[in-house]
Structure formats: C-alpha cells, structure tokens
C-alpha atoms as a PDB file:
ATOM      1  CA  UNK A   1     -30.791  44.437  21.637  1.00  0.00           C
ATOM      2  CA  UNK A   2     -31.667  47.419  20.285  1.00  0.00           C
ATOM      3  CA  UNK A   3     -29.870  49.201  22.907  1.00  0.00           C
ATOM      4  CA  UNK A   4     -26.549  47.676  22.689  1.00  0.00           C
ATOM      5  CA  UNK A   5     -26.695  48.198  18.924  1.00  0.00           C
ATOM      6  CA  UNK A   6     -26.850  51.778  19.182  1.00  0.00           C
ATOM      7  CA  UNK A   7     -24.793  52.166  21.915  1.00  0.00           C
ATOM      8  CA  UNK A   8     -22.022  50.738  19.245  1.00  0.00           C
ATOM      9  CA  UNK A   9     -23.217  53.253  16.709  1.00  0.00           C
ATOM     10  CA  UNK A  10     -20.991  56.786  16.860  1.00  0.00           C
ATOM     11  CA  UNK A  11     -23.160  59.459  17.039  1.00  0.00           C
ATOM     12  CA  UNK A  12     -24.894  57.584  19.730  1.00  0.00           C
ATOM     13  CA  UNK A  13     -22.114  55.791  22.248  1.00  0.00           C
ATOM     14  CA  UNK A  14     -21.064  58.858  24.542  1.00  0.00           C
ATOM     15  CA  UNK A  15     -24.568  58.921  25.482  1.00  0.00           C
ATOM     16  CA  UNK A  16     -26.297  57.508  28.237  1.00  0.00           C
ATOM     17  CA  UNK A  17     -27.683  54.126  29.515  1.00  0.00           C
ATOM     18  CA  UNK A  18     -31.443  56.838  29.990  1.00  0.00           C
ATOM     19  CA  UNK A  19     -30.773  58.577  27.154  1.00  0.00           C
ATOM     20  CA  UNK A  20     -30.376  55.331  24.785  1.00  0.00           C
ATOM     21  CA  UNK A  21     -33.231  53.905  25.967  1.00  0.00           C
ATOM     22  CA  UNK A  22     -35.256  57.093  25.216  1.00  0.00           C
ATOM     23  CA  UNK A  23     -34.305  57.592  22.011  1.00  0.00           C
ATOM     24  CA  UNK A  24     -34.599  54.075  20.421  1.00  0.00           C
ATOM     25  CA  UNK A  25     -38.359  54.142  20.289  1.00  0.00           C
ATOM     26  CA  UNK A  26     -37.417  56.070  17.245  1.00  0.00           C
ATOM     27  CA  UNK A  27     -36.246  53.085  15.572  1.00  0.00           C
ATOM     28  CA  UNK A  28     -37.935  50.806  13.185  1.00  0.00           C
ATOM     29  CA  UNK A  29     -35.848  47.563  11.798  1.00  0.00           C
ATOM     30  CA  UNK A  30     -36.473  46.645   8.049  1.00  0.00           C
ATOM     31  CA  UNK A  31     -35.288  43.846   6.018  1.00  0.00           C
ATOM     32  CA  UNK A  32     -33.507  44.174   3.087  1.00  0.00           C
ATOM     33  CA  UNK A  33     -32.917  41.580   0.146  1.00  0.00           C
ATOM     34  CA  UNK A  34     -29.063  40.893  -1.407  1.00  0.00           C
ATOM     35  CA  UNK A  35     -29.101  43.486  -4.354  1.00  0.00           C
ATOM     36  CA  UNK A  36     -32.283  45.734  -3.106  1.00  0.00           C
ATOM     37  CA  UNK A  37     -32.429  49.273  -3.798  1.00  0.00           C
ATOM     38  CA  UNK A  38     -32.516  50.337  -0.728  1.00  0.00           C
ATOM     39  CA  UNK A  39     -31.890  54.298  -1.450  1.00  0.00           C
ATOM     40  CA  UNK A  40     -32.442  55.723  -4.732  1.00  0.00           C
ATOM     41  CA  UNK A  41     -30.858  58.773  -6.120  1.00  0.00           C
ATOM     42  CA  UNK A  42     -32.781  61.651  -6.283  1.00  0.00           C
ATOM     43  CA  UNK A  43     -35.765  60.496  -4.418  1.00  0.00           C
ATOM     44  CA  UNK A  44     -36.616  62.695  -1.569  1.00  0.00           C
ATOM     45  CA  UNK A  45     -35.001  62.181   1.710  1.00  0.00           C
ATOM     46  CA  UNK A  46     -37.340  61.070   4.123  1.00  0.00           C
ATOM     47  CA  UNK A  47     -35.503  58.462   5.834  1.00  0.00           C
ATOM     48  CA  UNK A  48     -32.271  57.821   7.632  1.00  0.00           C
ATOM     49  CA  UNK A  49     -30.786  54.003   8.329  1.00  0.00           C
ATOM     50  CA  UNK A  50     -28.217  52.467  10.716  1.00  0.00           C
ATOM     51  CA  UNK A  51     -26.281  49.275   9.637  1.00  0.00           C
ATOM     52  CA  UNK A  52     -27.049  46.614  11.924  1.00  0.00           C
ATOM     53  CA  UNK A  53     -26.480  43.258   9.603  1.00  0.00           C
ATOM     54  CA  UNK A  54     -24.533  43.460   6.238  1.00  0.00           C
ATOM     55  CA  UNK A  55     -23.202  45.818   4.307  1.00  0.00           C
ATOM     56  CA  UNK A  56     -24.005  48.698   1.569  1.00  0.00           C
ATOM     57  CA  UNK A  57     -23.124  49.522  -1.564  1.00  0.00           C
ATOM     58  CA  UNK A  58     -22.825  53.638  -2.316  1.00  0.00           C
ATOM     59  CA  UNK A  59     -23.261  54.280  -5.789  1.00  0.00           C
ATOM     60  CA  UNK A  60     -23.903  56.630  -8.741  1.00  0.00           C
ATOM     61  CA  UNK A  61     -23.532  55.907 -12.456  1.00  0.00           C
ATOM     62  CA  UNK A  62     -21.406  57.976 -14.651  1.00  0.00           C
ATOM     63  CA  UNK A  63     -22.491  59.530 -17.889  1.00  0.00           C
ATOM     64  CA  UNK A  64     -21.449  57.110 -19.819  1.00  0.00           C
ATOM     65  CA  UNK A  65     -23.967  54.291 -17.709  1.00  0.00           C
ATOM     66  CA  UNK A  66     -21.340  52.559 -15.689  1.00  0.00           C
ATOM     67  CA  UNK A  67     -21.869  52.271 -12.141  1.00  0.00           C
ATOM     68  CA  UNK A  68     -19.117  54.138 -10.123  1.00  0.00           C
ATOM     69  CA  UNK A  69     -18.854  52.842  -6.160  1.00  0.00           C
ATOM     70  CA  UNK A  70     -18.468  55.599  -4.022  1.00  0.00           C
ATOM     71  CA  UNK A  71     -17.994  53.167  -0.772  1.00  0.00           C
ATOM     72  CA  UNK A  72     -18.682  50.349   1.181  1.00  0.00           C
ATOM     73  CA  UNK A  73     -20.819  50.914   4.607  1.00  0.00           C
ATOM     74  CA  UNK A  74     -21.566  48.105   7.099  1.00  0.00           C
ATOM     75  CA  UNK A  75     -22.605  47.332  10.627  1.00  0.00           C
ATOM     76  CA  UNK A  76     -23.388  50.277  13.187  1.00  0.00           C
ATOM     77  CA  UNK A  77     -22.553  52.827   9.505  1.00  0.00           C
ATOM     78  CA  UNK A  78     -25.432  55.365   9.136  1.00  0.00           C
ATOM     79  CA  UNK A  79     -26.777  55.970   5.418  1.00  0.00           C
ATOM     80  CA  UNK A  80     -28.696  58.655   4.592  1.00  0.00           C
ATOM     81  CA  UNK A  81     -27.977  61.531   6.978  1.00  0.00           C
ATOM     82  CA  UNK A  82     -26.714  63.777   3.891  1.00  0.00           C
ATOM     83  CA  UNK A  83     -29.988  64.856   2.172  1.00  0.00           C
ATOM     84  CA  UNK A  84     -31.883  64.234   5.698  1.00  0.00           C
ATOM     85  CA  UNK A  85     -30.050  67.597   6.513  1.00  0.00           C
ATOM     86  CA  UNK A  86     -29.024  70.107   4.084  1.00  0.00           C
ATOM     87  CA  UNK A  87     -32.729  68.910   2.421  1.00  0.00           C
ATOM     88  CA  UNK A  88     -32.051  68.292  -0.510  1.00  0.00           C
ATOM     89  CA  UNK A  89     -32.576  64.918  -2.900  1.00  0.00           C
ATOM     90  CA  UNK A  90     -30.656  62.168  -2.300  1.00  0.00           C
ATOM     91  CA  UNK A  91     -26.671  62.401  -3.797  1.00  0.00           C
ATOM     92  CA  UNK A  92     -26.348  58.690  -4.327  1.00  0.00           C
ATOM     93  CA  UNK A  93     -27.842  55.151  -4.292  1.00  0.00           C
ATOM     94  CA  UNK A  94     -28.184  52.614  -2.127  1.00  0.00           C
ATOM     95  CA  UNK A  95     -28.074  49.071  -2.613  1.00  0.00           C
ATOM     96  CA  UNK A  96     -27.753  45.643  -0.455  1.00  0.00           C
ATOM     97  CA  UNK A  97     -24.778  43.846  -0.742  1.00  0.00           C
ATOM     98  CA  UNK A  98     -26.007  40.857   0.597  1.00  0.00           C
ATOM     99  CA  UNK A  99     -29.104  40.364   2.886  1.00  0.00           C
ATOM    100  CA  UNK A 100     -29.316  43.564   5.353  1.00  0.00           C
ATOM    101  CA  UNK A 101     -31.061  44.595   7.976  1.00  0.00           C
ATOM    102  CA  UNK A 102     -30.661  47.642   9.277  1.00  0.00           C
ATOM    103  CA  UNK A 103     -33.147  50.379  12.047  1.00  0.00           C
ATOM    104  CA  UNK A 104     -34.393  53.142  10.249  1.00  0.00           C
ATOM    105  CA  UNK A 105     -35.393  56.774  11.414  1.00  0.00           C
ATOM    106  CA  UNK A 106     -37.797  58.987  10.005  1.00  0.00           C
ATOM    107  CA  UNK A 107     -36.062  62.679   9.027  1.00  0.00           C
ATOM    108  CA  UNK A 108     -38.244  64.424  11.012  1.00  0.00           C
ATOM    109  CA  UNK A 109     -37.736  62.646  14.172  1.00  0.00           C
ATOM    110  CA  UNK A 110     -33.822  62.560  13.737  1.00  0.00           C
ATOM    111  CA  UNK A 111     -33.388  66.383  13.417  1.00  0.00           C
ATOM    112  CA  UNK A 112     -35.126  66.856  16.447  1.00  0.00           C
ATOM    113  CA  UNK A 113     -32.980  64.050  18.184  1.00  0.00           C
ATOM    114  CA  UNK A 114     -30.122  66.750  16.691  1.00  0.00           C
ATOM    115  CA  UNK A 115     -31.327  70.227  18.055  1.00  0.00           C
ATOM    116  CA  UNK A 116     -32.087  68.889  21.573  1.00  0.00           C
ATOM    117  CA  UNK A 117     -28.868  66.711  22.005  1.00  0.00           C
ATOM    118  CA  UNK A 118     -25.231  68.345  21.326  1.00  0.00           C
ATOM    119  CA  UNK A 119     -23.868  65.725  21.981  1.00  0.00           C
ATOM    120  CA  UNK A 120     -25.484  63.523  18.840  1.00  0.00           C
ATOM    121  CA  UNK A 121     -25.568  66.775  16.570  1.00  0.00           C
ATOM    122  CA  UNK A 122     -20.877  67.054  17.729  1.00  0.00           C
ATOM    123  CA  UNK A 123     -20.192  63.678  17.276  1.00  0.00           C
ATOM    124  CA  UNK A 124     -22.417  63.379  13.833  1.00  0.00           C
ATOM    125  CA  UNK A 125     -19.928  66.411  12.646  1.00  0.00           C
ATOM    126  CA  UNK A 126     -16.957  64.560  13.589  1.00  0.00           C
ATOM    127  CA  UNK A 127     -18.332  61.776  11.489  1.00  0.00           C
ATOM    128  CA  UNK A 128     -19.475  64.044   8.725  1.00  0.00           C
ATOM    129  CA  UNK A 129     -15.835  65.425   8.421  1.00  0.00           C
ATOM    130  CA  UNK A 130     -14.303  62.830   8.464  1.00  0.00           C
ATOM    131  CA  UNK A 131     -15.730  60.803   5.935  1.00  0.00           C
ATOM    132  CA  UNK A 132     -15.250  64.435   3.795  1.00  0.00           C
ATOM    133  CA  UNK A 133     -11.548  63.394   4.422  1.00  0.00           C
ATOM    134  CA  UNK A 134     -11.331  60.018   3.325  1.00  0.00           C
ATOM    135  CA  UNK A 135     -13.199  61.423   0.312  1.00  0.00           C
ATOM    136  CA  UNK A 136     -10.552  63.926  -0.794  1.00  0.00           C
ATOM    137  CA  UNK A 137      -8.074  61.461   0.043  1.00  0.00           C
ATOM    138  CA  UNK A 138      -9.546  58.519  -2.551  1.00  0.00           C
ATOM    139  CA  UNK A 139     -10.238  61.740  -5.069  1.00  0.00           C
ATOM    140  CA  UNK A 140      -6.846  62.169  -4.997  1.00  0.00           C
ATOM    141  CA  UNK A 141      -5.370  58.878  -5.464  1.00  0.00           C
ATOM    142  CA  UNK A 142      -7.921  58.536  -7.994  1.00  0.00           C
ATOM    143  CA  UNK A 143      -6.528  61.546  -9.913  1.00  0.00           C
ATOM    144  CA  UNK A 144      -3.092  61.444  -9.332  1.00  0.00           C
ATOM    145  CA  UNK A 145      -1.708  57.968  -8.975  1.00  0.00           C
ATOM    146  CA  UNK A 146      -1.174  55.211 -10.670  1.00  0.00           C
ATOM    147  CA  UNK A 147      -3.329  51.811 -10.988  1.00  0.00           C
ATOM    148  CA  UNK A 148      -1.072  50.003  -8.057  1.00  0.00           C
ATOM    149  CA  UNK A 149      -1.554  53.027  -5.884  1.00  0.00           C
ATOM    150  CA  UNK A 150      -6.082  53.427  -6.294  1.00  0.00           C
ATOM    151  CA  UNK A 151      -6.972  49.877  -5.804  1.00  0.00           C
ATOM    152  CA  UNK A 152      -4.158  49.663  -2.384  1.00  0.00           C
ATOM    153  CA  UNK A 153      -6.619  53.071  -1.449  1.00  0.00           C
ATOM    154  CA  UNK A 154      -9.502  50.385  -1.969  1.00  0.00           C
ATOM    155  CA  UNK A 155      -8.589  47.730  -0.374  1.00  0.00           C
ATOM    156  CA  UNK A 156      -7.592  49.899   2.611  1.00  0.00           C
ATOM    157  CA  UNK A 157     -11.109  52.167   2.652  1.00  0.00           C
ATOM    158  CA  UNK A 158     -12.256  48.584   2.631  1.00  0.00           C
ATOM    159  CA  UNK A 159     -10.142  48.173   6.023  1.00  0.00           C
ATOM    160  CA  UNK A 160     -11.417  50.716   7.396  1.00  0.00           C
ATOM    161  CA  UNK A 161     -15.061  50.667   7.386  1.00  0.00           C
ATOM    162  CA  UNK A 162     -15.562  46.741   6.679  1.00  0.00           C
ATOM    163  CA  UNK A 163     -12.304  44.942   8.267  1.00  0.00           C
ATOM    164  CA  UNK A 164     -11.740  44.056  11.994  1.00  0.00           C
ATOM    165  CA  UNK A 165      -8.458  44.627  13.507  1.00  0.00           C
ATOM    166  CA  UNK A 166      -6.890  42.369  16.097  1.00  0.00           C
ATOM    167  CA  UNK A 167      -2.800  42.816  17.517  1.00  0.00           C
ATOM    168  CA  UNK A 168      -2.277  45.035  14.189  1.00  0.00           C
ATOM    169  CA  UNK A 169      -3.719  41.825  11.427  1.00  0.00           C
ATOM    170  CA  UNK A 170      -7.193  43.448  10.097  1.00  0.00           C
ATOM    171  CA  UNK A 171      -9.192  40.931   8.380  1.00  0.00           C
ATOM    172  CA  UNK A 172     -12.551  41.215   5.817  1.00  0.00           C
ATOM    173  CA  UNK A 173     -14.687  38.008   6.452  1.00  0.00           C
ATOM    174  CA  UNK A 174     -16.554  39.470   3.148  1.00  0.00           C
ATOM    175  CA  UNK A 175     -14.140  40.580   0.303  1.00  0.00           C
ATOM    176  CA  UNK A 176     -16.216  42.802  -2.451  1.00  0.00           C
ATOM    177  CA  UNK A 177     -16.319  40.992  -5.649  1.00  0.00           C
ATOM    178  CA  UNK A 178     -12.996  42.107  -7.923  1.00  0.00           C
ATOM    179  CA  UNK A 179     -15.863  43.886  -9.816  1.00  0.00           C
ATOM    180  CA  UNK A 180     -16.927  46.027  -7.114  1.00  0.00           C
ATOM    181  CA  UNK A 181     -13.539  46.762  -6.427  1.00  0.00           C
ATOM    182  CA  UNK A 182     -13.051  47.713  -9.466  1.00  0.00           C
ATOM    183  CA  UNK A 183     -15.427  49.852  -9.739  1.00  0.00           C
ATOM    184  CA  UNK A 184     -14.406  51.943  -6.359  1.00  0.00           C
ATOM    185  CA  UNK A 185     -10.602  52.263  -8.112  1.00  0.00           C
ATOM    186  CA  UNK A 186     -11.888  53.986 -11.488  1.00  0.00           C
ATOM    187  CA  UNK A 187      -9.871  49.741 -13.072  1.00  0.00           C
ATOM    188  CA  UNK A 188     -10.471  47.331 -14.457  1.00  0.00           C
ATOM    189  CA  UNK A 189     -11.138  43.627 -13.146  1.00  0.00           C
ATOM    190  CA  UNK A 190      -7.947  41.774 -15.009  1.00  0.00           C
ATOM    191  CA  UNK A 191      -6.350  44.904 -13.277  1.00  0.00           C
ATOM    192  CA  UNK A 192      -7.243  44.579 -10.046  1.00  0.00           C
ATOM    193  CA  UNK A 193      -6.929  40.721  -9.914  1.00  0.00           C
ATOM    194  CA  UNK A 194      -3.217  41.353 -11.050  1.00  0.00           C
ATOM    195  CA  UNK A 195      -2.382  43.423  -8.607  1.00  0.00           C
ATOM    196  CA  UNK A 196      -4.398  41.108  -5.851  1.00  0.00           C
ATOM    197  CA  UNK A 197      -1.772  39.203  -6.517  1.00  0.00           C
ATOM    198  CA  UNK A 198       1.469  40.972  -6.947  1.00  0.00           C
ATOM    199  CA  UNK A 199      -0.315  42.470  -3.090  1.00  0.00           C
ATOM    200  CA  UNK A 200       0.631  38.553  -2.129  1.00  0.00           C
ATOM    201  CA  UNK A 201       3.481  38.360  -3.753  1.00  0.00           C
ATOM    202  CA  UNK A 202       4.948  40.809  -1.395  1.00  0.00           C
ATOM    203  CA  UNK A 203       3.476  39.389   1.425  1.00  0.00           C
ATOM    204  CA  UNK A 204       1.398  42.526   1.855  1.00  0.00           C
ATOM    205  CA  UNK A 205      -1.981  40.327   2.328  1.00  0.00           C
ATOM    206  CA  UNK A 206      -3.479  37.105   1.983  1.00  0.00           C
ATOM    207  CA  UNK A 207      -6.482  35.769   0.555  1.00  0.00           C
ATOM    208  CA  UNK A 208      -8.888  33.066   0.477  1.00  0.00           C
ATOM    209  CA  UNK A 209     -11.650  32.798  -1.471  1.00  0.00           C
ATOM    210  CA  UNK A 210     -13.912  36.088  -0.577  1.00  0.00           C
ATOM    211  CA  UNK A 211     -11.352  36.453   3.193  1.00  0.00           C
ATOM    212  CA  UNK A 212      -8.964  39.158   2.872  1.00  0.00           C
ATOM    213  CA  UNK A 213      -6.056  39.450   5.445  1.00  0.00           C
ATOM    214  CA  UNK A 214      -3.566  42.988   6.250  1.00  0.00           C
ATOM    215  CA  UNK A 215      -0.711  41.232   7.986  1.00  0.00           C
ATOM    216  CA  UNK A 216       0.625  44.572   9.003  1.00  0.00           C
ATOM    217  CA  UNK A 217      -2.292  46.865   8.425  1.00  0.00           C
ATOM    218  CA  UNK A 218       0.814  49.781   9.933  1.00  0.00           C
ATOM    219  CA  UNK A 219       2.582  49.436   7.336  1.00  0.00           C
ATOM    220  CA  UNK A 220      -0.250  48.760   5.115  1.00  0.00           C
ATOM    221  CA  UNK A 221      -1.341  52.251   5.722  1.00  0.00           C
ATOM    222  CA  UNK A 222       1.542  53.564   5.521  1.00  0.00           C
ATOM    223  CA  UNK A 223       2.018  52.820   2.008  1.00  0.00           C
ATOM    224  CA  UNK A 224      -1.218  53.690   0.518  1.00  0.00           C
ATOM    225  CA  UNK A 225      -2.241  55.771   3.201  1.00  0.00           C
END
C-alpha cells in the first residue's frame, strides 16, 4: 500500500497517518524496464521520483565520453528533487539499473507540500545535508586516496544506500557490476576485481555472485569512513 511506502520515506516518516492519507493522492506509480532513462541531464525538471522497487543509478558523462556513476539509489530513496527546488535543468542522468517501480509527484505538488508542511521541509533539508556530506567524503576519497581506499569508500556507499544491516552485518543482495563500481571509484574493472579479492582475503567481505556481505560493518566503516 502506498501509505506504508510513504511512511518508510525519510522526509515523510514523521507525518501522521491522517497527513499521509491526505498527500497520497499526489503520487502516481510508474514502471521503468532495466536500462531505460528515467531522467535526462539538462532537461527541465517537472517531476520528483520515489523509488518503490529496484535500483537506479545517477550518472554523468565526462569530457572523454566515459560514464561516471555519481551514486546508486534504492528503495525509498528520492531522486530529481534538486532541479524542482532550484528551477534549474537536471544536473545528471537517472537510469534504471534493473526493472524499477517509482512513485512520481509533479513539481507543483511537491513544492506545495514543502510550503505547507514544515516537517517535510525540515526533513528534506536534513536529507540534502546528509547527501552533501557523503558527496564531500566521496570527492576527498577520489582526489586524495589510492585505488584501494576509493573502492572501499564506494563499497561503503553502496552498503549505506542498498544494504540491509542486521546485528552488525551488512548484506547487499544485488551488488552492481564491477564496471559500475569502477565508474564510481575512478578505477578500472580489473582493479575492482583485484581489490575485492584482496578484501575477501582479509575477511573484510564475503562475495557470492552478486551478493556481498560485510561481516563487521563498523570495522569496515572505521577503515574507510
């Protein structure tokens, strides 16, 4: 049910059941097959999306024509809000990493919710501040660290965005392809493969196909956080 879904989205999680029931009318469900474009860079932003099912990747193309993955977003995450808030064009592409279901809300309805509900606006500010903090950490890792640390930071970001933590252990059920991790960390696919094997040898993670587990998440975070 959409009511249960909205309660799991950070910016709506503090709302009463009555308020959730009131705002649910603004959202419509859309389906996007794997590989399809959800948002195109430089287009006008007239919709905000909430990920109900699946994973989407936020990308840009650098001057050499290579795809750079800025982040991966999973269930309950919000995408497309920046251009709606500042009125500028989209700053990146958003693609469906797998078959996805997203709830869409029109820009005018989203802005109305922000203007009329302080709780939503305040939660959104906290969400954006958290993203800026993560972005700063990622930029620092890319600019100052070696390949091992950059890949470790990328795995840490994936754990925070896509993983499920239970008793100190994080599980990512659908780890992105090694080329995607390479695009996130500014390395090569071969380097990612080598470093992941190194992490396994150090018992820092366990990888089975596309499933990855971090047995001691706090230790991993202390090392790469």
